[in-house]
Amino acid sequence: MKRTRIFAAAAAVLTLASCQEFFTSSFAAWAERDASVPSGLTAAQAMNIADQALVNCDTDLARALLPQMADFLTGTPSDALAAAAVDTAVLASGIGEAFGEALAAVGTSIIETGTIDPADYDTVAAILASVGVSADGFDIFTFLETNYDPLVPADVAALAAMGITAEDLALAAAALLVEQANLDAVTLDTLIDGSAVLTAGPNYQLAESMLDLAAALDPTNDLVSLANGWL
Protein backbone atom coordinates (compact mmCIF):
# COMPACT_ATOMS: atom_id res chain seq x y z
CA MET A 1 0.00 0.00 0.00
CA LYS A 2 1.28 3.44 -0.85
CA ARG A 3 0.62 4.75 2.65
CA THR A 4 3.20 2.42 4.14
CA ARG A 5 5.90 3.32 1.64
CA ILE A 6 6.42 6.68 3.36
CA PHE A 7 8.51 4.87 5.96
CA ALA A 8 10.83 3.41 3.36
CA ALA A 9 11.33 6.72 1.59
CA ALA A 10 11.83 8.67 4.79
CA ALA A 11 14.19 6.12 6.25
CA ALA A 12 16.30 6.19 3.12
CA VAL A 13 16.44 9.98 3.11
CA LEU A 14 17.32 10.19 6.79
CA THR A 15 19.88 7.40 6.69
CA LEU A 16 21.74 8.92 3.77
CA ALA A 17 21.49 12.61 4.61
CA SER A 18 20.61 13.47 8.18
CA CYS A 19 23.09 11.96 10.65
CA GLN A 20 26.53 13.22 9.81
CA GLU A 21 29.58 12.89 12.03
CA PHE A 22 29.33 15.28 14.98
CA PHE A 23 31.52 18.34 14.45
CA THR A 24 34.07 19.33 17.07
CA SER A 25 33.46 22.83 18.45
CA SER A 26 32.87 24.53 21.78
CA PHE A 27 29.13 24.62 21.13
CA ALA A 28 29.16 21.02 20.00
CA ALA A 29 30.95 19.90 23.14
CA TRP A 30 28.42 21.79 25.26
CA ALA A 31 25.44 20.44 23.34
CA GLU A 32 26.72 16.89 23.65
CA ARG A 33 26.84 17.27 27.43
CA ASP A 34 23.50 18.91 28.08
CA ALA A 35 20.20 18.83 26.24
CA SER A 36 19.07 22.06 27.94
CA VAL A 37 19.85 25.48 26.47
CA PRO A 38 20.51 28.82 28.18
CA SER A 39 17.82 31.45 28.00
CA GLY A 40 18.23 34.73 26.12
CA LEU A 41 20.07 33.31 23.13
CA THR A 42 20.92 35.56 20.23
CA ALA A 43 19.73 34.49 16.80
CA ALA A 44 23.28 33.52 15.87
CA GLN A 45 23.69 31.40 18.98
CA ALA A 46 20.33 29.70 18.40
CA MET A 47 21.25 28.85 14.82
CA ASN A 48 24.61 27.49 15.97
CA ILE A 49 22.91 25.21 18.49
CA ALA A 50 20.33 24.19 15.88
CA ASP A 51 23.16 23.18 13.57
CA GLN A 52 24.67 21.00 16.29
CA ALA A 53 21.32 19.37 17.02
CA LEU A 54 20.83 18.57 13.34
CA VAL A 55 24.34 17.26 12.80
CA ASN A 56 24.05 15.03 15.85
CA CYS A 57 20.40 14.08 15.22
CA ASP A 58 19.77 15.28 18.78
CA THR A 59 16.00 15.35 19.22
CA ASP A 60 16.20 16.33 22.89
CA LEU A 61 18.42 19.32 22.15
CA ALA A 62 16.05 20.43 19.38
CA ARG A 63 13.13 20.23 21.80
CA ALA A 64 15.00 22.33 24.36
CA LEU A 65 15.82 24.95 21.73
CA LEU A 66 12.37 25.03 20.12
CA PRO A 67 10.63 27.61 22.36
CA GLN A 68 13.27 30.23 21.67
CA MET A 69 13.23 29.43 17.96
CA ALA A 70 9.46 29.95 17.91
CA ASP A 71 9.87 33.29 19.69
CA PHE A 72 12.32 34.48 17.03
CA LEU A 73 9.68 33.96 14.34
CA THR A 74 7.29 36.42 15.97
CA GLY A 75 9.49 39.23 14.69
CA THR A 76 11.01 39.57 11.25
CA PRO A 77 13.44 36.65 11.06
CA SER A 78 16.13 36.29 8.46
CA ASP A 79 15.71 33.52 5.94
CA ALA A 80 18.53 31.61 7.62
CA LEU A 81 16.86 31.86 11.02
CA ALA A 82 13.47 30.80 9.65
CA ALA A 83 15.04 27.78 7.95
CA ALA A 84 16.87 26.83 11.15
CA ALA A 85 13.59 27.09 13.07
CA VAL A 86 11.86 24.75 10.61
CA ASP A 87 14.71 22.25 10.81
CA THR A 88 14.56 22.41 14.61
CA ALA A 89 10.79 21.89 14.66
CA VAL A 90 10.98 18.86 12.37
CA LEU A 91 13.76 17.31 14.44
CA ALA A 92 11.99 18.13 17.73
CA SER A 93 8.86 16.30 16.58
CA GLY A 94 10.78 13.04 16.74
CA ILE A 95 9.54 11.97 13.31
CA GLY A 96 13.04 11.48 11.94
CA GLU A 97 14.15 9.47 14.96
CA ALA A 98 11.00 7.36 14.72
CA PHE A 99 11.56 6.59 11.06
CA GLY A 100 15.14 5.60 11.83
CA GLU A 101 14.02 3.31 14.65
CA ALA A 102 11.39 1.79 12.39
CA LEU A 103 14.04 0.99 9.82
CA ALA A 104 16.20 -0.64 12.48
CA ALA A 105 13.28 -2.62 13.91
CA VAL A 106 11.60 -3.73 10.70
CA GLY A 107 14.67 -4.11 8.53
CA THR A 108 15.81 -2.86 5.17
CA SER A 109 13.12 -4.78 3.34
CA ILE A 110 10.91 -1.71 3.68
CA ILE A 111 13.36 0.08 1.40
CA GLU A 112 13.67 -2.84 -1.01
CA THR A 113 9.95 -3.60 -1.28
CA GLY A 114 8.46 -0.19 -0.47
CA THR A 115 5.99 -1.73 1.98
CA ILE A 116 5.65 -2.71 5.61
CA ASP A 117 4.52 -6.23 6.39
CA PRO A 118 1.18 -6.13 8.24
CA ALA A 119 2.85 -8.18 10.96
CA ASP A 120 5.05 -5.15 11.67
CA TYR A 121 2.26 -2.58 11.93
CA ASP A 122 2.10 -2.76 15.72
CA THR A 123 5.87 -2.46 16.04
CA VAL A 124 6.01 0.64 13.87
CA ALA A 125 2.93 2.11 15.55
CA ALA A 126 4.61 1.75 18.95
CA ILE A 127 7.64 3.62 17.62
CA LEU A 128 5.46 6.39 16.17
CA ALA A 129 3.88 6.88 19.59
CA SER A 130 6.93 8.94 20.54
CA VAL A 131 6.20 11.49 17.80
CA GLY A 132 4.51 14.74 18.73
CA VAL A 133 4.21 18.36 17.64
CA SER A 134 4.35 20.88 20.48
CA ALA A 135 2.65 24.27 20.44
CA ASP A 136 5.99 25.84 19.50
CA GLY A 137 6.47 23.42 16.62
CA PHE A 138 2.92 24.10 15.47
CA ASP A 139 3.65 27.84 15.52
CA ILE A 140 6.78 27.39 13.42
CA PHE A 141 4.95 25.37 10.79
CA THR A 142 2.14 27.96 10.88
CA PHE A 143 4.74 30.62 10.09
CA LEU A 144 5.38 28.84 6.81
CA GLU A 145 1.68 28.48 6.08
CA THR A 146 1.12 32.19 6.77
CA ASN A 147 4.06 33.58 4.83
CA TYR A 148 4.44 31.27 1.83
CA ASP A 149 1.74 30.51 -0.72
CA PRO A 150 2.24 27.35 -2.80
CA LEU A 151 0.44 29.05 -5.70
CA VAL A 152 2.89 31.98 -5.79
CA PRO A 153 6.07 31.03 -7.67
CA ALA A 154 8.14 33.68 -5.87
CA ASP A 155 7.18 32.21 -2.50
CA VAL A 156 8.09 28.70 -3.61
CA ALA A 157 11.41 29.97 -4.98
CA ALA A 158 12.08 31.73 -1.69
CA LEU A 159 11.53 28.51 0.27
CA ALA A 160 13.91 26.65 -2.02
CA ALA A 161 16.52 29.40 -1.66
CA MET A 162 16.22 29.11 2.13
CA GLY A 163 17.15 25.43 1.88
CA ILE A 164 13.74 24.16 2.98
CA THR A 165 13.03 20.97 1.07
CA ALA A 166 10.00 18.97 0.08
CA GLU A 167 11.25 16.21 2.39
CA ASP A 168 11.34 18.63 5.35
CA LEU A 169 7.74 19.61 4.78
CA ALA A 170 6.56 16.05 4.15
CA LEU A 171 8.11 14.96 7.45
CA ALA A 172 6.45 17.93 9.18
CA ALA A 173 3.13 16.85 7.71
CA ALA A 174 3.62 13.26 8.85
CA ALA A 175 4.34 14.43 12.40
CA LEU A 176 1.26 16.67 12.37
CA LEU A 177 -0.90 13.77 11.22
CA VAL A 178 0.43 11.56 14.02
CA GLU A 179 -0.42 14.39 16.43
CA GLN A 180 -3.95 14.59 14.99
CA ALA A 181 -4.34 10.83 15.27
CA ASN A 182 -3.33 10.98 18.92
CA LEU A 183 -5.82 13.79 19.59
CA ASP A 184 -8.52 11.76 17.85
CA ALA A 185 -7.58 8.66 19.87
CA VAL A 186 -7.04 6.86 16.57
CA THR A 187 -4.69 3.92 16.91
CA LEU A 188 -1.52 4.47 14.94
CA ASP A 189 -1.61 1.06 13.30
CA THR A 190 -4.73 2.24 11.45
CA LEU A 191 -2.84 5.34 10.33
CA ILE A 192 -0.15 3.05 8.94
CA ASP A 193 -2.53 0.68 7.17
CA GLY A 194 -4.55 3.54 5.68
CA SER A 195 -7.85 2.86 7.43
CA ALA A 196 -7.76 5.76 9.91
CA VAL A 197 -10.28 8.56 9.51
CA LEU A 198 -8.87 11.73 11.04
CA THR A 199 -10.73 14.81 12.17
CA ALA A 200 -9.98 17.83 9.99
CA GLY A 201 -8.63 19.64 13.04
CA PRO A 202 -5.83 22.23 13.20
CA ASN A 203 -3.02 19.68 12.94
CA TYR A 204 -4.68 17.97 9.98
CA GLN A 205 -5.28 21.27 8.20
CA LEU A 206 -1.72 22.42 8.83
CA ALA A 207 -0.45 19.08 7.51
CA GLU A 208 -2.39 19.72 4.32
CA SER A 209 -0.72 23.12 4.01
CA MET A 210 2.72 21.65 4.53
CA LEU A 211 2.07 19.08 1.84
CA ASP A 212 0.80 21.76 -0.55
CA LEU A 213 4.07 23.64 -0.09
CA ALA A 214 6.05 20.41 -0.40
CA ALA A 215 4.31 19.52 -3.65
CA ALA A 216 4.98 23.02 -4.98
CA LEU A 217 8.68 22.52 -4.23
CA ASP A 218 8.85 19.06 -5.79
CA PRO A 219 5.62 17.63 -7.24
CA THR A 220 7.25 14.33 -8.20
CA ASN A 221 8.90 13.69 -4.84
CA ASP A 222 8.05 10.17 -3.63
CA LEU A 223 7.99 11.13 0.04
CA VAL A 224 5.53 13.94 -0.66
CA SER A 225 3.16 11.77 -2.66
CA LEU A 226 3.33 9.03 -0.08
CA ALA A 227 2.73 11.42 2.82
CA ASN A 228 -0.37 12.56 1.00
CA GLY A 229 -1.66 9.01 1.41
CA TRP A 230 -2.09 9.66 5.15
CA LEU A 231 -4.63 12.44 4.55
C-alpha atoms as a PDB file:
ATOM      1  CA  MET A   1       0.000   0.000   0.000  1.00  0.00           C
ATOM      2  CA  LYS A   2       1.275   3.443  -0.853  1.00  0.00           C
ATOM      3  CA  ARG A   3       0.619   4.745   2.652  1.00  0.00           C
ATOM      4  CA  THR A   4       3.205   2.421   4.145  1.00  0.00           C
ATOM      5  CA  ARG A   5       5.902   3.318   1.643  1.00  0.00           C
ATOM      6  CA  ILE A   6       6.417   6.676   3.356  1.00  0.00           C
ATOM      7  CA  PHE A   7       8.511   4.866   5.956  1.00  0.00           C
ATOM      8  CA  ALA A   8      10.828   3.408   3.360  1.00  0.00           C
ATOM      9  CA  ALA A   9      11.332   6.718   1.589  1.00  0.00           C
ATOM     10  CA  ALA A  10      11.834   8.673   4.786  1.00  0.00           C
ATOM     11  CA  ALA A  11      14.195   6.117   6.254  1.00  0.00           C
ATOM     12  CA  ALA A  12      16.304   6.186   3.121  1.00  0.00           C
ATOM     13  CA  VAL A  13      16.444   9.983   3.106  1.00  0.00           C
ATOM     14  CA  LEU A  14      17.320  10.186   6.788  1.00  0.00           C
ATOM     15  CA  THR A  15      19.875   7.403   6.688  1.00  0.00           C
ATOM     16  CA  LEU A  16      21.740   8.923   3.770  1.00  0.00           C
ATOM     17  CA  ALA A  17      21.493  12.612   4.609  1.00  0.00           C
ATOM     18  CA  SER A  18      20.608  13.472   8.184  1.00  0.00           C
ATOM     19  CA  CYS A  19      23.090  11.963  10.654  1.00  0.00           C
ATOM     20  CA  GLN A  20      26.534  13.223   9.808  1.00  0.00           C
ATOM     21  CA  GLU A  21      29.575  12.892  12.025  1.00  0.00           C
ATOM     22  CA  PHE A  22      29.329  15.275  14.978  1.00  0.00           C
ATOM     23  CA  PHE A  23      31.516  18.341  14.454  1.00  0.00           C
ATOM     24  CA  THR A  24      34.069  19.334  17.067  1.00  0.00           C
ATOM     25  CA  SER A  25      33.464  22.834  18.447  1.00  0.00           C
ATOM     26  CA  SER A  26      32.874  24.527  21.780  1.00  0.00           C
ATOM     27  CA  PHE A  27      29.131  24.620  21.135  1.00  0.00           C
ATOM     28  CA  ALA A  28      29.162  21.020  19.998  1.00  0.00           C
ATOM     29  CA  ALA A  29      30.949  19.902  23.144  1.00  0.00           C
ATOM     30  CA  TRP A  30      28.424  21.791  25.262  1.00  0.00           C
ATOM     31  CA  ALA A  31      25.436  20.438  23.340  1.00  0.00           C
ATOM     32  CA  GLU A  32      26.723  16.889  23.651  1.00  0.00           C
ATOM     33  CA  ARG A  33      26.838  17.267  27.434  1.00  0.00           C
ATOM     34  CA  ASP A  34      23.496  18.907  28.080  1.00  0.00           C
ATOM     35  CA  ALA A  35      20.197  18.831  26.242  1.00  0.00           C
ATOM     36  CA  SER A  36      19.072  22.063  27.936  1.00  0.00           C
ATOM     37  CA  VAL A  37      19.850  25.483  26.473  1.00  0.00           C
ATOM     38  CA  PRO A  38      20.515  28.817  28.176  1.00  0.00           C
ATOM     39  CA  SER A  39      17.818  31.452  27.997  1.00  0.00           C
ATOM     40  CA  GLY A  40      18.229  34.725  26.121  1.00  0.00           C
ATOM     41  CA  LEU A  41      20.070  33.309  23.126  1.00  0.00           C
ATOM     42  CA  THR A  42      20.916  35.565  20.232  1.00  0.00           C
ATOM     43  CA  ALA A  43      19.731  34.485  16.800  1.00  0.00           C
ATOM     44  CA  ALA A  44      23.277  33.518  15.866  1.00  0.00           C
ATOM     45  CA  GLN A  45      23.686  31.398  18.984  1.00  0.00           C
ATOM     46  CA  ALA A  46      20.334  29.701  18.402  1.00  0.00           C
ATOM     47  CA  MET A  47      21.253  28.849  14.816  1.00  0.00           C
ATOM     48  CA  ASN A  48      24.612  27.492  15.971  1.00  0.00           C
ATOM     49  CA  ILE A  49      22.909  25.209  18.487  1.00  0.00           C
ATOM     50  CA  ALA A  50      20.326  24.189  15.879  1.00  0.00           C
ATOM     51  CA  ASP A  51      23.165  23.176  13.566  1.00  0.00           C
ATOM     52  CA  GLN A  52      24.666  21.002  16.287  1.00  0.00           C
ATOM     53  CA  ALA A  53      21.320  19.372  17.024  1.00  0.00           C
ATOM     54  CA  LEU A  54      20.830  18.569  13.342  1.00  0.00           C
ATOM     55  CA  VAL A  55      24.341  17.262  12.799  1.00  0.00           C
ATOM     56  CA  ASN A  56      24.051  15.032  15.848  1.00  0.00           C
ATOM     57  CA  CYS A  57      20.399  14.083  15.218  1.00  0.00           C
ATOM     58  CA  ASP A  58      19.766  15.279  18.781  1.00  0.00           C
ATOM     59  CA  THR A  59      15.998  15.352  19.220  1.00  0.00           C
ATOM     60  CA  ASP A  60      16.202  16.329  22.891  1.00  0.00           C
ATOM     61  CA  LEU A  61      18.417  19.320  22.148  1.00  0.00           C
ATOM     62  CA  ALA A  62      16.049  20.430  19.379  1.00  0.00           C
ATOM     63  CA  ARG A  63      13.126  20.232  21.803  1.00  0.00           C
ATOM     64  CA  ALA A  64      15.001  22.330  24.357  1.00  0.00           C
ATOM     65  CA  LEU A  65      15.816  24.949  21.734  1.00  0.00           C
ATOM     66  CA  LEU A  66      12.373  25.029  20.121  1.00  0.00           C
ATOM     67  CA  PRO A  67      10.631  27.610  22.361  1.00  0.00           C
ATOM     68  CA  GLN A  68      13.272  30.232  21.672  1.00  0.00           C
ATOM     69  CA  MET A  69      13.230  29.429  17.964  1.00  0.00           C
ATOM     70  CA  ALA A  70       9.456  29.953  17.907  1.00  0.00           C
ATOM     71  CA  ASP A  71       9.867  33.287  19.686  1.00  0.00           C
ATOM     72  CA  PHE A  72      12.315  34.484  17.029  1.00  0.00           C
ATOM     73  CA  LEU A  73       9.683  33.960  14.339  1.00  0.00           C
ATOM     74  CA  THR A  74       7.286  36.420  15.974  1.00  0.00           C
ATOM     75  CA  GLY A  75       9.491  39.234  14.687  1.00  0.00           C
ATOM     76  CA  THR A  76      11.011  39.567  11.249  1.00  0.00           C
ATOM     77  CA  PRO A  77      13.442  36.654  11.063  1.00  0.00           C
ATOM     78  CA  SER A  78      16.128  36.286   8.463  1.00  0.00           C
ATOM     79  CA  ASP A  79      15.708  33.522   5.944  1.00  0.00           C
ATOM     80  CA  ALA A  80      18.527  31.607   7.620  1.00  0.00           C
ATOM     81  CA  LEU A  81      16.859  31.865  11.019  1.00  0.00           C
ATOM     82  CA  ALA A  82      13.470  30.802   9.651  1.00  0.00           C
ATOM     83  CA  ALA A  83      15.038  27.785   7.946  1.00  0.00           C
ATOM     84  CA  ALA A  84      16.870  26.831  11.146  1.00  0.00           C
ATOM     85  CA  ALA A  85      13.590  27.095  13.069  1.00  0.00           C
ATOM     86  CA  VAL A  86      11.855  24.754  10.614  1.00  0.00           C
ATOM     87  CA  ASP A  87      14.706  22.247  10.812  1.00  0.00           C
ATOM     88  CA  THR A  88      14.558  22.414  14.607  1.00  0.00           C
ATOM     89  CA  ALA A  89      10.788  21.893  14.661  1.00  0.00           C
ATOM     90  CA  VAL A  90      10.979  18.860  12.369  1.00  0.00           C
ATOM     91  CA  LEU A  91      13.758  17.309  14.442  1.00  0.00           C
ATOM     92  CA  ALA A  92      11.987  18.127  17.728  1.00  0.00           C
ATOM     93  CA  SER A  93       8.857  16.301  16.581  1.00  0.00           C
ATOM     94  CA  GLY A  94      10.775  13.040  16.742  1.00  0.00           C
ATOM     95  CA  ILE A  95       9.544  11.968  13.315  1.00  0.00           C
ATOM     96  CA  GLY A  96      13.045  11.476  11.945  1.00  0.00           C
ATOM     97  CA  GLU A  97      14.152   9.470  14.956  1.00  0.00           C
ATOM     98  CA  ALA A  98      11.004   7.357  14.721  1.00  0.00           C
ATOM     99  CA  PHE A  99      11.560   6.585  11.062  1.00  0.00           C
ATOM    100  CA  GLY A 100      15.137   5.598  11.830  1.00  0.00           C
ATOM    101  CA  GLU A 101      14.019   3.314  14.646  1.00  0.00           C
ATOM    102  CA  ALA A 102      11.390   1.793  12.389  1.00  0.00           C
ATOM    103  CA  LEU A 103      14.045   0.993   9.820  1.00  0.00           C
ATOM    104  CA  ALA A 104      16.200  -0.640  12.484  1.00  0.00           C
ATOM    105  CA  ALA A 105      13.280  -2.620  13.913  1.00  0.00           C
ATOM    106  CA  VAL A 106      11.600  -3.729  10.703  1.00  0.00           C
ATOM    107  CA  GLY A 107      14.669  -4.113   8.530  1.00  0.00           C
ATOM    108  CA  THR A 108      15.808  -2.860   5.168  1.00  0.00           C
ATOM    109  CA  SER A 109      13.120  -4.782   3.340  1.00  0.00           C
ATOM    110  CA  ILE A 110      10.910  -1.708   3.680  1.00  0.00           C
ATOM    111  CA  ILE A 111      13.360   0.079   1.403  1.00  0.00           C
ATOM    112  CA  GLU A 112      13.667  -2.843  -1.009  1.00  0.00           C
ATOM    113  CA  THR A 113       9.947  -3.602  -1.276  1.00  0.00           C
ATOM    114  CA  GLY A 114       8.455  -0.194  -0.468  1.00  0.00           C
ATOM    115  CA  THR A 115       5.990  -1.730   1.981  1.00  0.00           C
ATOM    116  CA  ILE A 116       5.652  -2.710   5.612  1.00  0.00           C
ATOM    117  CA  ASP A 117       4.525  -6.225   6.391  1.00  0.00           C
ATOM    118  CA  PRO A 118       1.181  -6.134   8.239  1.00  0.00           C
ATOM    119  CA  ALA A 119       2.847  -8.182  10.962  1.00  0.00           C
ATOM    120  CA  ASP A 120       5.053  -5.152  11.674  1.00  0.00           C
ATOM    121  CA  TYR A 121       2.261  -2.582  11.935  1.00  0.00           C
ATOM    122  CA  ASP A 122       2.098  -2.757  15.719  1.00  0.00           C
ATOM    123  CA  THR A 123       5.868  -2.455  16.040  1.00  0.00           C
ATOM    124  CA  VAL A 124       6.008   0.643  13.868  1.00  0.00           C
ATOM    125  CA  ALA A 125       2.934   2.108  15.550  1.00  0.00           C
ATOM    126  CA  ALA A 126       4.612   1.750  18.945  1.00  0.00           C
ATOM    127  CA  ILE A 127       7.642   3.624  17.620  1.00  0.00           C
ATOM    128  CA  LEU A 128       5.460   6.389  16.174  1.00  0.00           C
ATOM    129  CA  ALA A 129       3.882   6.875  19.588  1.00  0.00           C
ATOM    130  CA  SER A 130       6.927   8.944  20.543  1.00  0.00           C
ATOM    131  CA  VAL A 131       6.197  11.494  17.796  1.00  0.00           C
ATOM    132  CA  GLY A 132       4.509  14.743  18.733  1.00  0.00           C
ATOM    133  CA  VAL A 133       4.205  18.357  17.636  1.00  0.00           C
ATOM    134  CA  SER A 134       4.348  20.878  20.477  1.00  0.00           C
ATOM    135  CA  ALA A 135       2.649  24.267  20.437  1.00  0.00           C
ATOM    136  CA  ASP A 136       5.991  25.835  19.505  1.00  0.00           C
ATOM    137  CA  GLY A 137       6.471  23.422  16.620  1.00  0.00           C
ATOM    138  CA  PHE A 138       2.923  24.097  15.474  1.00  0.00           C
ATOM    139  CA  ASP A 139       3.646  27.844  15.520  1.00  0.00           C
ATOM    140  CA  ILE A 140       6.782  27.394  13.417  1.00  0.00           C
ATOM    141  CA  PHE A 141       4.948  25.367  10.790  1.00  0.00           C
ATOM    142  CA  THR A 142       2.138  27.955  10.881  1.00  0.00           C
ATOM    143  CA  PHE A 143       4.741  30.625  10.093  1.00  0.00           C
ATOM    144  CA  LEU A 144       5.381  28.835   6.809  1.00  0.00           C
ATOM    145  CA  GLU A 145       1.677  28.483   6.075  1.00  0.00           C
ATOM    146  CA  THR A 146       1.121  32.192   6.769  1.00  0.00           C
ATOM    147  CA  ASN A 147       4.055  33.584   4.829  1.00  0.00           C
ATOM    148  CA  TYR A 148       4.437  31.270   1.830  1.00  0.00           C
ATOM    149  CA  ASP A 149       1.737  30.513  -0.719  1.00  0.00           C
ATOM    150  CA  PRO A 150       2.239  27.346  -2.802  1.00  0.00           C
ATOM    151  CA  LEU A 151       0.439  29.054  -5.697  1.00  0.00           C
ATOM    152  CA  VAL A 152       2.888  31.984  -5.786  1.00  0.00           C
ATOM    153  CA  PRO A 153       6.068  31.027  -7.672  1.00  0.00           C
ATOM    154  CA  ALA A 154       8.136  33.680  -5.874  1.00  0.00           C
ATOM    155  CA  ASP A 155       7.180  32.205  -2.497  1.00  0.00           C
ATOM    156  CA  VAL A 156       8.089  28.700  -3.608  1.00  0.00           C
ATOM    157  CA  ALA A 157      11.408  29.966  -4.982  1.00  0.00           C
ATOM    158  CA  ALA A 158      12.076  31.728  -1.690  1.00  0.00           C
ATOM    159  CA  LEU A 159      11.532  28.507   0.269  1.00  0.00           C
ATOM    160  CA  ALA A 160      13.913  26.653  -2.022  1.00  0.00           C
ATOM    161  CA  ALA A 161      16.516  29.398  -1.656  1.00  0.00           C
ATOM    162  CA  MET A 162      16.224  29.111   2.127  1.00  0.00           C
ATOM    163  CA  GLY A 163      17.148  25.428   1.880  1.00  0.00           C
ATOM    164  CA  ILE A 164      13.741  24.165   2.978  1.00  0.00           C
ATOM    165  CA  THR A 165      13.026  20.975   1.073  1.00  0.00           C
ATOM    166  CA  ALA A 166      10.001  18.968   0.081  1.00  0.00           C
ATOM    167  CA  GLU A 167      11.247  16.212   2.385  1.00  0.00           C
ATOM    168  CA  ASP A 168      11.343  18.629   5.346  1.00  0.00           C
ATOM    169  CA  LEU A 169       7.737  19.608   4.775  1.00  0.00           C
ATOM    170  CA  ALA A 170       6.560  16.052   4.154  1.00  0.00           C
ATOM    171  CA  LEU A 171       8.110  14.958   7.453  1.00  0.00           C
ATOM    172  CA  ALA A 172       6.450  17.926   9.179  1.00  0.00           C
ATOM    173  CA  ALA A 173       3.129  16.846   7.706  1.00  0.00           C
ATOM    174  CA  ALA A 174       3.623  13.262   8.855  1.00  0.00           C
ATOM    175  CA  ALA A 175       4.338  14.433  12.403  1.00  0.00           C
ATOM    176  CA  LEU A 176       1.263  16.670  12.375  1.00  0.00           C
ATOM    177  CA  LEU A 177      -0.899  13.774  11.221  1.00  0.00           C
ATOM    178  CA  VAL A 178       0.428  11.565  14.021  1.00  0.00           C
ATOM    179  CA  GLU A 179      -0.419  14.391  16.430  1.00  0.00           C
ATOM    180  CA  GLN A 180      -3.949  14.594  14.994  1.00  0.00           C
ATOM    181  CA  ALA A 181      -4.337  10.826  15.272  1.00  0.00           C
ATOM    182  CA  ASN A 182      -3.335  10.985  18.922  1.00  0.00           C
ATOM    183  CA  LEU A 183      -5.819  13.789  19.589  1.00  0.00           C
ATOM    184  CA  ASP A 184      -8.524  11.764  17.855  1.00  0.00           C
ATOM    185  CA  ALA A 185      -7.585   8.659  19.868  1.00  0.00           C
ATOM    186  CA  VAL A 186      -7.036   6.862  16.574  1.00  0.00           C
ATOM    187  CA  THR A 187      -4.687   3.920  16.910  1.00  0.00           C
ATOM    188  CA  LEU A 188      -1.520   4.472  14.936  1.00  0.00           C
ATOM    189  CA  ASP A 189      -1.614   1.064  13.296  1.00  0.00           C
ATOM    190  CA  THR A 190      -4.726   2.244  11.446  1.00  0.00           C
ATOM    191  CA  LEU A 191      -2.836   5.336  10.333  1.00  0.00           C
ATOM    192  CA  ILE A 192      -0.154   3.045   8.938  1.00  0.00           C
ATOM    193  CA  ASP A 193      -2.526   0.680   7.168  1.00  0.00           C
ATOM    194  CA  GLY A 194      -4.550   3.537   5.683  1.00  0.00           C
ATOM    195  CA  SER A 195      -7.853   2.862   7.430  1.00  0.00           C
ATOM    196  CA  ALA A 196      -7.758   5.756   9.913  1.00  0.00           C
ATOM    197  CA  VAL A 197     -10.281   8.561   9.513  1.00  0.00           C
ATOM    198  CA  LEU A 198      -8.869  11.728  11.043  1.00  0.00           C
ATOM    199  CA  THR A 199     -10.731  14.812  12.172  1.00  0.00           C
ATOM    200  CA  ALA A 200      -9.984  17.832   9.994  1.00  0.00           C
ATOM    201  CA  GLY A 201      -8.629  19.645  13.045  1.00  0.00           C
ATOM    202  CA  PRO A 202      -5.832  22.233  13.201  1.00  0.00           C
ATOM    203  CA  ASN A 203      -3.022  19.681  12.943  1.00  0.00           C
ATOM    204  CA  TYR A 204      -4.679  17.968   9.985  1.00  0.00           C
ATOM    205  CA  GLN A 205      -5.276  21.275   8.202  1.00  0.00           C
ATOM    206  CA  LEU A 206      -1.715  22.423   8.830  1.00  0.00           C
ATOM    207  CA  ALA A 207      -0.447  19.084   7.510  1.00  0.00           C
ATOM    208  CA  GLU A 208      -2.389  19.724   4.315  1.00  0.00           C
ATOM    209  CA  SER A 209      -0.722  23.121   4.009  1.00  0.00           C
ATOM    210  CA  MET A 210       2.723  21.646   4.531  1.00  0.00           C
ATOM    211  CA  LEU A 211       2.067  19.078   1.839  1.00  0.00           C
ATOM    212  CA  ASP A 212       0.795  21.759  -0.546  1.00  0.00           C
ATOM    213  CA  LEU A 213       4.066  23.638  -0.086  1.00  0.00           C
ATOM    214  CA  ALA A 214       6.046  20.411  -0.397  1.00  0.00           C
ATOM    215  CA  ALA A 215       4.305  19.519  -3.649  1.00  0.00           C
ATOM    216  CA  ALA A 216       4.983  23.017  -4.980  1.00  0.00           C
ATOM    217  CA  LEU A 217       8.682  22.520  -4.234  1.00  0.00           C
ATOM    218  CA  ASP A 218       8.848  19.059  -5.794  1.00  0.00           C
ATOM    219  CA  PRO A 219       5.617  17.631  -7.236  1.00  0.00           C
ATOM    220  CA  THR A 220       7.254  14.329  -8.199  1.00  0.00           C
ATOM    221  CA  ASN A 221       8.899  13.688  -4.836  1.00  0.00           C
ATOM    222  CA  ASP A 222       8.052  10.174  -3.632  1.00  0.00           C
ATOM    223  CA  LEU A 223       7.991  11.129   0.039  1.00  0.00           C
ATOM    224  CA  VAL A 224       5.528  13.944  -0.657  1.00  0.00           C
ATOM    225  CA  SER A 225       3.163  11.766  -2.664  1.00  0.00           C
ATOM    226  CA  LEU A 226       3.334   9.027  -0.082  1.00  0.00           C
ATOM    227  CA  ALA A 227       2.729  11.418   2.822  1.00  0.00           C
ATOM    228  CA  ASN A 228      -0.373  12.561   0.997  1.00  0.00           C
ATOM    229  CA  GLY A 229      -1.659   9.014   1.414  1.00  0.00           C
ATOM    230  CA  TRP A 230      -2.089   9.658   5.149  1.00  0.00           C
ATOM    231  CA  LEU A 231      -4.628  12.441   4.551  1.00  0.00           C
END
